[in-house]
Amino acid sequence: MDLESPLGVVFQYLMHNPKLPSQMGKQKGVEAIAAFWRPFAFHMQGQVNDDELKVLARESLMTLQRQMELIAETFEVELPQSEAMTPELEVALERTVERVLQRYVGTGALSPQKTPTPPPAAGVTSTDPMLVPPGEEGVGFELDMFQEFESVSTKDLVS
């Protein structure tokens, strides 16, 4: 690969960024690929049901959205506006987040986390949901968020 090419510059950044140890740079690159292509890959494989595919697609969208927000904040540019996100939908999403957070805090499921140990030096590993096979990720906060948000009625969107 030509290290001066646009793609070469990206790989140089991931591999030699002082803020990202080399192993983490590889992991971030793999996670980015997974966010783009994971739902398509499992759909083509044909061994994942429609509900699981929707969860995979939503996880990808959330990962990509977080990256878009980081880019927008870092470089002080506005996010592209989606007609799908109306003010009513944004309010409903905020209410959903509050309900799920309250439920997690109330049950003690959310508590201070220990400092994570760095990943091993050999191979690329990740706890990122993009790299966990469907059905092995366990029920987590994001899945609860999706289930809760799907239950939002149209009344919630206008109140």
C-alpha atoms as a PDB file:
ATOM      1  CA  MET A   1       0.000   0.000   0.000  1.00  0.00           C
ATOM      2  CA  ASP A   2       1.215   3.456  -0.866  1.00  0.00           C
ATOM      3  CA  LEU A   3       1.560   5.187   2.496  1.00  0.00           C
ATOM      4  CA  GLU A   4       1.069   8.569   0.814  1.00  0.00           C
ATOM      5  CA  SER A   5      -2.310   7.608  -0.661  1.00  0.00           C
ATOM      6  CA  PRO A   6      -5.465   8.796   1.138  1.00  0.00           C
ATOM      7  CA  LEU A   7      -6.029   5.307   2.548  1.00  0.00           C
ATOM      8  CA  GLY A   8      -2.353   5.059   3.498  1.00  0.00           C
ATOM      9  CA  VAL A   9      -2.663   8.314   5.465  1.00  0.00           C
ATOM     10  CA  VAL A  10      -5.610   6.839   7.402  1.00  0.00           C
ATOM     11  CA  PHE A  11      -3.673   3.681   8.244  1.00  0.00           C
ATOM     12  CA  GLN A  12      -0.640   5.740   9.263  1.00  0.00           C
ATOM     13  CA  TYR A  13      -2.897   7.721  11.608  1.00  0.00           C
ATOM     14  CA  LEU A  14      -4.355   4.568  13.151  1.00  0.00           C
ATOM     15  CA  MET A  15      -0.983   2.867  13.532  1.00  0.00           C
ATOM     16  CA  HIS A  16       1.163   5.786  14.708  1.00  0.00           C
ATOM     17  CA  ASN A  17      -1.191   8.111  16.601  1.00  0.00           C
ATOM     18  CA  PRO A  18       0.353   8.749  20.048  1.00  0.00           C
ATOM     19  CA  LYS A  19      -3.169   8.835  21.528  1.00  0.00           C
ATOM     20  CA  LEU A  20      -3.910   5.333  20.178  1.00  0.00           C
ATOM     21  CA  PRO A  21      -1.517   2.493  20.935  1.00  0.00           C
ATOM     22  CA  SER A  22      -0.809   0.552  17.727  1.00  0.00           C
ATOM     23  CA  GLN A  23      -3.040  -2.350  18.791  1.00  0.00           C
ATOM     24  CA  MET A  24      -5.936  -0.005  19.549  1.00  0.00           C
ATOM     25  CA  GLY A  25      -5.473   1.661  16.167  1.00  0.00           C
ATOM     26  CA  LYS A  26      -5.899  -1.718  14.470  1.00  0.00           C
ATOM     27  CA  GLN A  27      -8.957  -2.382  16.631  1.00  0.00           C
ATOM     28  CA  LYS A  28     -10.512   0.964  15.705  1.00  0.00           C
ATOM     29  CA  GLY A  29      -9.970   0.219  12.013  1.00  0.00           C
ATOM     30  CA  VAL A  30     -11.620  -3.196  12.315  1.00  0.00           C
ATOM     31  CA  GLU A  31     -14.518  -1.728  14.322  1.00  0.00           C
ATOM     32  CA  ALA A  32     -15.078   0.916  11.629  1.00  0.00           C
ATOM     33  CA  ILE A  33     -15.261  -1.762   8.952  1.00  0.00           C
ATOM     34  CA  ALA A  34     -17.669  -3.779  11.111  1.00  0.00           C
ATOM     35  CA  ALA A  35     -19.921  -0.754  11.671  1.00  0.00           C
ATOM     36  CA  PHE A  36     -20.244  -0.286   7.917  1.00  0.00           C
ATOM     37  CA  TRP A  37     -20.661  -3.866   6.818  1.00  0.00           C
ATOM     38  CA  ARG A  38     -21.705  -6.174   9.699  1.00  0.00           C
ATOM     39  CA  PRO A  39     -25.487  -6.201   9.041  1.00  0.00           C
ATOM     40  CA  PHE A  40     -24.904  -6.864   5.338  1.00  0.00           C
ATOM     41  CA  ALA A  41     -22.452  -9.683   6.037  1.00  0.00           C
ATOM     42  CA  PHE A  42     -24.809 -11.471   8.443  1.00  0.00           C
ATOM     43  CA  HIS A  43     -27.737 -10.924   6.080  1.00  0.00           C
ATOM     44  CA  MET A  44     -25.788 -12.545   3.248  1.00  0.00           C
ATOM     45  CA  GLN A  45     -24.748 -15.406   5.537  1.00  0.00           C
ATOM     46  CA  GLY A  46     -28.459 -16.147   6.019  1.00  0.00           C
ATOM     47  CA  GLN A  47     -28.225 -17.599   9.528  1.00  0.00           C
ATOM     48  CA  VAL A  48     -29.613 -14.586  11.415  1.00  0.00           C
ATOM     49  CA  ASN A  49     -33.346 -13.886  11.732  1.00  0.00           C
ATOM     50  CA  ASP A  50     -34.933 -10.554  10.811  1.00  0.00           C
ATOM     51  CA  ASP A  51     -35.129  -9.317  14.412  1.00  0.00           C
ATOM     52  CA  GLU A  52     -31.425 -10.003  14.962  1.00  0.00           C
ATOM     53  CA  LEU A  53     -30.599  -8.265  11.676  1.00  0.00           C
ATOM     54  CA  LYS A  54     -32.516  -5.202  12.841  1.00  0.00           C
ATOM     55  CA  VAL A  55     -30.526  -5.167  16.091  1.00  0.00           C
ATOM     56  CA  LEU A  56     -27.286  -5.427  14.113  1.00  0.00           C
ATOM     57  CA  ALA A  57     -28.387  -2.626  11.798  1.00  0.00           C
ATOM     58  CA  ARG A  58     -29.305  -0.376  14.736  1.00  0.00           C
ATOM     59  CA  GLU A  59     -25.981  -1.068  16.455  1.00  0.00           C
ATOM     60  CA  SER A  60     -24.183  -0.098  13.253  1.00  0.00           C
ATOM     61  CA  LEU A  61     -26.220   3.077  12.930  1.00  0.00           C
ATOM     62  CA  MET A  62     -25.513   4.054  16.538  1.00  0.00           C
ATOM     63  CA  THR A  63     -21.769   3.442  16.082  1.00  0.00           C
ATOM     64  CA  LEU A  64     -21.724   5.480  12.892  1.00  0.00           C
ATOM     65  CA  GLN A  65     -23.775   8.252  14.542  1.00  0.00           C
ATOM     66  CA  ARG A  66     -21.292   8.483  17.439  1.00  0.00           C
ATOM     67  CA  GLN A  67     -18.440   8.779  14.940  1.00  0.00           C
ATOM     68  CA  MET A  68     -20.321  11.459  13.002  1.00  0.00           C
ATOM     69  CA  GLU A  69     -20.842  13.419  16.218  1.00  0.00           C
ATOM     70  CA  LEU A  70     -17.148  13.121  17.099  1.00  0.00           C
ATOM     71  CA  ILE A  71     -16.133  14.380  13.649  1.00  0.00           C
ATOM     72  CA  ALA A  72     -18.615  17.272  13.803  1.00  0.00           C
ATOM     73  CA  GLU A  73     -17.476  18.305  17.282  1.00  0.00           C
ATOM     74  CA  THR A  74     -13.756  17.943  16.564  1.00  0.00           C
ATOM     75  CA  PHE A  75     -13.816  19.899  13.315  1.00  0.00           C
ATOM     76  CA  GLU A  76     -16.617  22.293  14.294  1.00  0.00           C
ATOM     77  CA  VAL A  77     -18.935  21.403  11.433  1.00  0.00           C
ATOM     78  CA  GLU A  78     -22.658  20.757  11.495  1.00  0.00           C
ATOM     79  CA  LEU A  79     -24.001  17.248  11.187  1.00  0.00           C
ATOM     80  CA  PRO A  80     -26.011  16.621   8.038  1.00  0.00           C
ATOM     81  CA  GLN A  81     -29.657  17.095   8.898  1.00  0.00           C
ATOM     82  CA  SER A  82     -31.941  14.131   8.541  1.00  0.00           C
ATOM     83  CA  GLU A  83     -35.596  14.745   7.914  1.00  0.00           C
ATOM     84  CA  ALA A  84     -36.291  11.631   9.966  1.00  0.00           C
ATOM     85  CA  MET A  85     -35.232  13.323  13.233  1.00  0.00           C
ATOM     86  CA  THR A  86     -38.040  15.704  14.050  1.00  0.00           C
ATOM     87  CA  PRO A  87     -38.134  17.727  17.268  1.00  0.00           C
ATOM     88  CA  GLU A  88     -40.954  15.443  18.456  1.00  0.00           C
ATOM     89  CA  LEU A  89     -38.885  12.351  17.763  1.00  0.00           C
ATOM     90  CA  GLU A  90     -35.920  13.883  19.567  1.00  0.00           C
ATOM     91  CA  VAL A  91     -38.089  14.575  22.656  1.00  0.00           C
ATOM     92  CA  ALA A  92     -39.442  11.010  22.546  1.00  0.00           C
ATOM     93  CA  LEU A  93     -35.891   9.665  22.311  1.00  0.00           C
ATOM     94  CA  GLU A  94     -34.786  11.774  25.301  1.00  0.00           C
ATOM     95  CA  ARG A  95     -37.752  10.493  27.341  1.00  0.00           C
ATOM     96  CA  THR A  96     -36.879   6.928  26.363  1.00  0.00           C
ATOM     97  CA  VAL A  97     -33.278   7.393  27.462  1.00  0.00           C
ATOM     98  CA  GLU A  98     -34.441   8.813  30.805  1.00  0.00           C
ATOM     99  CA  ARG A  99     -36.814   5.857  31.413  1.00  0.00           C
ATOM    100  CA  VAL A 100     -34.197   3.241  30.580  1.00  0.00           C
ATOM    101  CA  LEU A 101     -31.502   4.996  32.637  1.00  0.00           C
ATOM    102  CA  GLN A 102     -33.852   5.215  35.622  1.00  0.00           C
ATOM    103  CA  ARG A 103     -34.604   1.512  35.305  1.00  0.00           C
ATOM    104  CA  TYR A 104     -30.896   0.614  35.135  1.00  0.00           C
ATOM    105  CA  VAL A 105     -29.973   2.867  38.050  1.00  0.00           C
ATOM    106  CA  GLY A 106     -32.938   1.630  40.099  1.00  0.00           C
ATOM    107  CA  THR A 107     -31.931  -2.005  39.698  1.00  0.00           C
ATOM    108  CA  GLY A 108     -28.282  -1.272  40.439  1.00  0.00           C
ATOM    109  CA  ALA A 109     -27.248  -2.425  36.958  1.00  0.00           C
ATOM    110  CA  LEU A 110     -25.405   0.858  36.401  1.00  0.00           C
ATOM    111  CA  SER A 111     -22.576   1.304  38.821  1.00  0.00           C
ATOM    112  CA  PRO A 112     -19.078   2.756  38.648  1.00  0.00           C
ATOM    113  CA  GLN A 113     -16.945   0.694  36.312  1.00  0.00           C
ATOM    114  CA  LYS A 114     -13.463  -0.554  37.085  1.00  0.00           C
ATOM    115  CA  THR A 115     -10.662   0.776  34.936  1.00  0.00           C
ATOM    116  CA  PRO A 116     -10.533  -1.508  31.909  1.00  0.00           C
ATOM    117  CA  THR A 117      -7.399  -3.522  31.370  1.00  0.00           C
ATOM    118  CA  PRO A 118      -5.649  -2.885  28.077  1.00  0.00           C
ATOM    119  CA  PRO A 119      -6.229  -5.475  25.350  1.00  0.00           C
ATOM    120  CA  PRO A 120      -3.582  -8.150  24.876  1.00  0.00           C
ATOM    121  CA  ALA A 121      -0.811  -7.316  22.443  1.00  0.00           C
ATOM    122  CA  ALA A 122      -1.413 -10.273  20.115  1.00  0.00           C
ATOM    123  CA  GLY A 123      -4.291 -10.236  17.624  1.00  0.00           C
ATOM    124  CA  VAL A 124      -7.134  -7.769  17.329  1.00  0.00           C
ATOM    125  CA  THR A 125      -9.752  -8.223  20.014  1.00  0.00           C
ATOM    126  CA  SER A 126     -12.649  -6.061  21.027  1.00  0.00           C
ATOM    127  CA  THR A 127     -15.569  -5.808  23.378  1.00  0.00           C
ATOM    128  CA  ASP A 128     -17.263  -3.609  20.782  1.00  0.00           C
ATOM    129  CA  PRO A 129     -20.699  -5.034  19.905  1.00  0.00           C
ATOM    130  CA  MET A 130     -19.792  -4.666  16.228  1.00  0.00           C
ATOM    131  CA  LEU A 131     -17.341  -7.551  16.630  1.00  0.00           C
ATOM    132  CA  VAL A 132     -19.474  -9.921  18.720  1.00  0.00           C
ATOM    133  CA  PRO A 133     -21.463 -12.618  16.886  1.00  0.00           C
ATOM    134  CA  PRO A 134     -25.255 -12.164  17.031  1.00  0.00           C
ATOM    135  CA  GLY A 135     -26.811 -13.867  20.025  1.00  0.00           C
ATOM    136  CA  GLU A 136     -23.582 -13.743  22.042  1.00  0.00           C
ATOM    137  CA  GLU A 137     -23.634 -10.076  22.965  1.00  0.00           C
ATOM    138  CA  GLY A 138     -26.002 -10.439  25.914  1.00  0.00           C
ATOM    139  CA  VAL A 139     -28.844  -8.066  26.654  1.00  0.00           C
ATOM    140  CA  GLY A 140     -27.441  -4.624  27.138  1.00  0.00           C
ATOM    141  CA  PHE A 141     -28.367  -1.010  27.476  1.00  0.00           C
ATOM    142  CA  GLU A 142     -28.535  -0.336  23.718  1.00  0.00           C
ATOM    143  CA  LEU A 143     -30.896  -3.266  23.116  1.00  0.00           C
ATOM    144  CA  ASP A 144     -33.133  -2.066  25.955  1.00  0.00           C
ATOM    145  CA  MET A 145     -33.066   1.419  24.418  1.00  0.00           C
ATOM    146  CA  PHE A 146     -34.267   0.075  21.073  1.00  0.00           C
ATOM    147  CA  GLN A 147     -37.021  -2.015  22.638  1.00  0.00           C
ATOM    148  CA  GLU A 148     -38.170   0.904  24.785  1.00  0.00           C
ATOM    149  CA  PHE A 149     -38.092   3.360  21.892  1.00  0.00           C
ATOM    150  CA  GLU A 150     -40.068   1.002  19.650  1.00  0.00           C
ATOM    151  CA  SER A 151     -42.815   1.067  22.276  1.00  0.00           C
ATOM    152  CA  VAL A 152     -43.153   4.874  22.043  1.00  0.00           C
ATOM    153  CA  SER A 153     -46.619   5.757  20.813  1.00  0.00           C
ATOM    154  CA  THR A 154     -47.453   8.521  18.374  1.00  0.00           C
ATOM    155  CA  LYS A 155     -49.033  10.314  21.359  1.00  0.00           C
ATOM    156  CA  ASP A 156     -45.546  10.488  22.930  1.00  0.00           C
ATOM    157  CA  LEU A 157     -44.219  12.115  19.764  1.00  0.00           C
ATOM    158  CA  VAL A 158     -46.573  15.079  19.948  1.00  0.00           C
ATOM    159  CA  SER A 159     -46.917  15.645  23.690  1.00  0.00           C
END
